[in-house]
C-alpha cells in the first residue's frame, strides 16, 4: 500500500468525523468496502 498525502483541511475534517464516533487514535485504517475503522499500532507504519 502506498501512503498518500492529504491536505490539512481534509485531515481535519476526517479527524472531526472520527471523533464523533469516539475514535481518537492518531493512526487508523479505514476500509470503505467493509465500512470499518480499525486502530493501528504505530510500529506497523515503520516496518
N, C-alpha and C. Protein backbone atom coordinates (compact mmCIF):
# COMPACT_ATOMS: atom_id res chain seq x y z
N UNK A 1 0.85 -1.17 0.00
CA UNK A 1 0.00 0.00 0.00
C UNK A 1 0.89 1.23 0.00
N UNK A 2 0.58 2.18 -0.85
CA UNK A 2 1.34 3.41 -0.94
C UNK A 2 0.60 4.51 -0.18
N UNK A 3 1.24 5.08 0.85
CA UNK A 3 0.59 6.18 1.58
C UNK A 3 0.38 7.38 0.66
N UNK A 4 -0.70 8.07 0.85
CA UNK A 4 -1.00 9.26 0.04
C UNK A 4 -1.14 10.45 0.96
N UNK A 5 -0.57 11.56 0.57
CA UNK A 5 -0.63 12.80 1.34
C UNK A 5 -1.98 13.46 1.12
N UNK A 6 -2.59 13.96 2.21
CA UNK A 6 -3.84 14.70 2.10
C UNK A 6 -3.61 16.10 2.67
N UNK A 7 -4.42 17.04 2.25
CA UNK A 7 -4.25 18.41 2.72
C UNK A 7 -4.76 18.54 4.16
N UNK A 8 -4.35 19.61 4.82
CA UNK A 8 -4.66 19.83 6.22
C UNK A 8 -6.16 19.91 6.49
N UNK A 9 -6.91 20.55 5.61
CA UNK A 9 -8.37 20.68 5.78
C UNK A 9 -9.05 19.32 5.71
N UNK A 10 -8.64 18.48 4.76
CA UNK A 10 -9.21 17.14 4.64
C UNK A 10 -8.90 16.32 5.88
N UNK A 11 -7.65 16.38 6.35
CA UNK A 11 -7.26 15.65 7.56
C UNK A 11 -8.09 16.11 8.76
N UNK A 12 -8.29 17.40 8.88
CA UNK A 12 -9.07 17.95 9.99
C UNK A 12 -10.53 17.49 9.92
N UNK A 13 -11.09 17.48 8.73
CA UNK A 13 -12.48 17.04 8.55
C UNK A 13 -12.65 15.56 8.91
N UNK A 14 -11.73 14.73 8.44
CA UNK A 14 -11.80 13.30 8.75
C UNK A 14 -11.63 13.08 10.25
N UNK A 15 -10.68 13.79 10.85
CA UNK A 15 -10.45 13.67 12.29
C UNK A 15 -11.71 14.04 13.08
N UNK A 16 -12.38 15.10 12.69
CA UNK A 16 -13.61 15.51 13.36
C UNK A 16 -14.70 14.45 13.23
N UNK A 17 -14.81 13.87 12.05
CA UNK A 17 -15.81 12.82 11.83
C UNK A 17 -15.52 11.61 12.71
N UNK A 18 -14.25 11.22 12.81
CA UNK A 18 -13.88 10.07 13.63
C UNK A 18 -14.09 10.35 15.11
N UNK A 19 -13.83 11.58 15.54
CA UNK A 19 -14.04 11.93 16.95
C UNK A 19 -15.51 11.80 17.33
N UNK A 20 -16.41 12.07 16.40
CA UNK A 20 -17.84 11.89 16.67
C UNK A 20 -18.18 10.43 16.90
N UNK A 21 -17.35 9.52 16.39
CA UNK A 21 -17.52 8.08 16.59
C UNK A 21 -16.66 7.57 17.74
N UNK A 22 -16.10 8.50 18.52
CA UNK A 22 -15.21 8.17 19.64
C UNK A 22 -13.96 7.42 19.20
N UNK A 23 -13.46 7.74 18.02
CA UNK A 23 -12.20 7.19 17.53
C UNK A 23 -11.19 8.32 17.64
N UNK A 24 -10.29 8.20 18.62
CA UNK A 24 -9.33 9.27 18.88
C UNK A 24 -7.89 8.85 18.65
N UNK A 25 -7.69 7.71 18.02
CA UNK A 25 -6.34 7.22 17.75
C UNK A 25 -5.70 8.05 16.65
N UNK A 26 -4.38 8.20 16.74
CA UNK A 26 -3.70 9.01 15.73
C UNK A 26 -3.51 8.27 14.41
N UNK A 27 -3.58 6.94 14.45
CA UNK A 27 -3.43 6.14 13.23
C UNK A 27 -4.57 5.14 13.13
N UNK A 28 -5.28 5.19 12.01
CA UNK A 28 -6.40 4.27 11.79
C UNK A 28 -6.37 3.77 10.35
N UNK A 29 -7.01 2.64 10.15
CA UNK A 29 -7.20 2.10 8.82
C UNK A 29 -8.69 2.13 8.54
N UNK A 30 -9.07 2.83 7.48
CA UNK A 30 -10.48 2.93 7.10
C UNK A 30 -10.70 2.01 5.91
N UNK A 31 -11.62 1.07 6.07
CA UNK A 31 -11.98 0.16 4.98
C UNK A 31 -13.38 0.53 4.52
N UNK A 32 -13.49 1.17 3.38
CA UNK A 32 -14.78 1.62 2.88
C UNK A 32 -15.64 0.46 2.39
N UNK A 33 -15.02 -0.61 1.91
CA UNK A 33 -15.78 -1.77 1.46
C UNK A 33 -16.47 -2.45 2.64
N UNK A 34 -15.74 -2.59 3.75
CA UNK A 34 -16.31 -3.24 4.94
C UNK A 34 -17.01 -2.25 5.86
N UNK A 35 -16.84 -0.96 5.57
CA UNK A 35 -17.40 0.11 6.39
C UNK A 35 -16.94 0.00 7.84
N UNK A 36 -15.59 -0.13 8.00
CA UNK A 36 -14.99 -0.24 9.33
C UNK A 36 -13.84 0.75 9.49
N UNK A 37 -13.55 1.06 10.75
CA UNK A 37 -12.38 1.86 11.13
C UNK A 37 -11.62 1.04 12.15
N UNK A 38 -10.34 0.82 11.91
CA UNK A 38 -9.52 -0.02 12.78
C UNK A 38 -8.31 0.77 13.27
N UNK A 39 -8.08 0.76 14.57
CA UNK A 39 -6.90 1.41 15.14
C UNK A 39 -5.66 0.64 14.71
N UNK A 40 -4.59 1.37 14.44
CA UNK A 40 -3.34 0.76 14.02
C UNK A 40 -2.25 1.05 15.03
N UNK A 41 -1.39 0.07 15.29
CA UNK A 41 -0.22 0.30 16.14
C UNK A 41 0.79 1.14 15.37
N UNK A 42 1.45 2.04 16.04
CA UNK A 42 2.42 2.93 15.41
C UNK A 42 3.55 2.15 14.73
N UNK A 43 4.00 1.06 15.37
CA UNK A 43 5.13 0.34 14.82
C UNK A 43 4.82 -0.33 13.47
N UNK A 44 3.55 -0.55 13.15
CA UNK A 44 3.20 -1.14 11.86
C UNK A 44 3.54 -0.21 10.71
N UNK A 45 3.58 1.08 10.96
CA UNK A 45 3.83 2.05 9.89
C UNK A 45 5.31 2.28 9.64
N UNK A 46 6.16 1.70 10.47
CA UNK A 46 7.59 1.91 10.32
C UNK A 46 8.36 0.66 9.93
N UNK A 47 7.66 -0.37 9.49
CA UNK A 47 8.31 -1.61 9.09
C UNK A 47 8.81 -1.54 7.68
